[in-house]
Amino acid sequence: MAARPILAHLKMIEKEWKRPDLHRDLKVLIVQKAFDFLEVAEGESIGWSILVSAVADENPEVVTTLLTAEPVYNKYVLVAN
């Protein structure tokens, strides 16, 4: 599902992500794939939702996964006001 996501697959993954008893290792995997979701038009908002909520996760392993992200230059640009 995560390799070639369509909207229905992304929604299933998002639903699992929101499950309170989701195992830490699955959370880590979903966070890793969330970066790929940003590249899919239908998955961008779901990807960001997962990444934003991962920052506040109680498991340090999940939060640490965010630090492993590879930057993609010229893809996303932060604009200062």
Protein backbone atom coordinates (compact mmCIF):
# COMPACT_ATOMS: atom_id res chain seq x y z
CA MET A 1 0.00 0.00 0.00
CA ALA A 2 2.74 2.46 0.86
CA ALA A 3 4.86 1.67 -2.22
CA ARG A 4 2.28 2.92 -4.73
CA PRO A 5 -0.24 4.78 -2.63
CA ILE A 6 -3.66 5.76 -3.82
CA LEU A 7 -5.98 7.87 -1.72
CA ALA A 8 -7.82 4.87 -0.26
CA HIS A 9 -4.51 3.33 0.87
CA LEU A 10 -3.32 6.59 2.35
CA LYS A 11 -6.53 6.95 4.34
CA MET A 12 -6.12 3.41 5.70
CA ILE A 13 -2.56 4.21 6.77
CA GLU A 14 -3.72 7.47 8.35
CA LYS A 15 -6.46 5.61 10.23
CA GLU A 16 -3.88 3.14 11.57
CA TRP A 17 -1.59 6.00 12.55
CA LYS A 18 -4.35 7.45 14.73
CA ARG A 19 -4.93 4.16 16.54
CA PRO A 20 -3.85 4.71 20.20
CA ASP A 21 -2.42 1.20 20.63
CA LEU A 22 -0.35 1.21 17.43
CA HIS A 23 3.00 -0.48 18.02
CA ARG A 24 6.08 1.73 18.11
CA ASP A 25 7.76 -0.08 15.19
CA LEU A 26 4.73 0.48 12.97
CA LYS A 27 4.72 4.15 13.93
CA VAL A 28 8.36 4.41 12.89
CA LEU A 29 7.60 2.78 9.54
CA ILE A 30 4.62 5.06 8.90
CA VAL A 31 6.71 8.15 9.71
CA GLN A 32 9.38 6.99 7.27
CA LYS A 33 6.78 6.50 4.53
CA ALA A 34 5.05 9.82 5.35
CA PHE A 35 7.96 11.62 3.69
CA ASP A 36 7.15 9.72 0.48
CA PHE A 37 3.49 10.68 0.80
CA LEU A 38 4.51 14.32 0.42
CA GLU A 39 5.45 13.48 -3.18
CA VAL A 40 1.92 12.25 -4.01
CA ALA A 41 -0.68 14.94 -4.67
CA GLU A 42 -3.40 13.05 -2.78
CA GLY A 43 -1.04 12.21 0.05
CA GLU A 44 0.53 15.55 0.85
CA SER A 45 -1.94 16.59 3.54
CA ILE A 46 -1.93 13.10 5.08
CA GLY A 47 1.87 13.04 5.04
CA TRP A 48 2.09 16.40 6.79
CA SER A 49 -0.56 15.38 9.31
CA ILE A 50 1.44 12.29 10.26
CA LEU A 51 4.74 14.19 10.45
CA VAL A 52 3.31 16.99 12.58
CA SER A 53 1.74 14.59 15.05
CA ALA A 54 4.92 12.48 15.14
CA VAL A 55 6.75 15.43 16.69
CA ALA A 56 4.59 15.13 19.81
CA ASP A 57 4.66 11.32 20.03
CA GLU A 58 5.48 9.86 23.44
CA ASN A 59 7.92 7.32 21.96
CA PRO A 60 11.43 8.76 21.49
CA GLU A 61 12.07 6.28 18.67
CA VAL A 62 9.21 7.78 16.67
CA VAL A 63 10.41 11.35 17.19
CA THR A 64 13.99 10.35 16.36
CA THR A 65 12.81 8.97 13.03
CA LEU A 66 12.11 12.56 11.97
CA LEU A 67 15.83 13.29 12.27
CA THR A 68 16.68 10.68 9.64
CA ALA A 69 14.92 12.56 6.86
CA GLU A 70 16.98 13.36 3.79
CA PRO A 71 16.51 16.94 2.59
CA VAL A 72 15.17 17.39 -0.89
CA TYR A 73 16.52 20.65 -2.17
CA ASN A 74 14.39 22.85 -4.41
CA LYS A 75 11.33 20.72 -3.67
CA TYR A 76 9.91 22.53 -0.66
CA VAL A 77 10.82 26.10 0.08
CA LEU A 78 10.10 27.85 3.35
CA VAL A 79 9.08 31.43 2.79
CA ALA A 80 9.69 34.00 5.50
CA ASN A 81 7.19 36.81 5.78
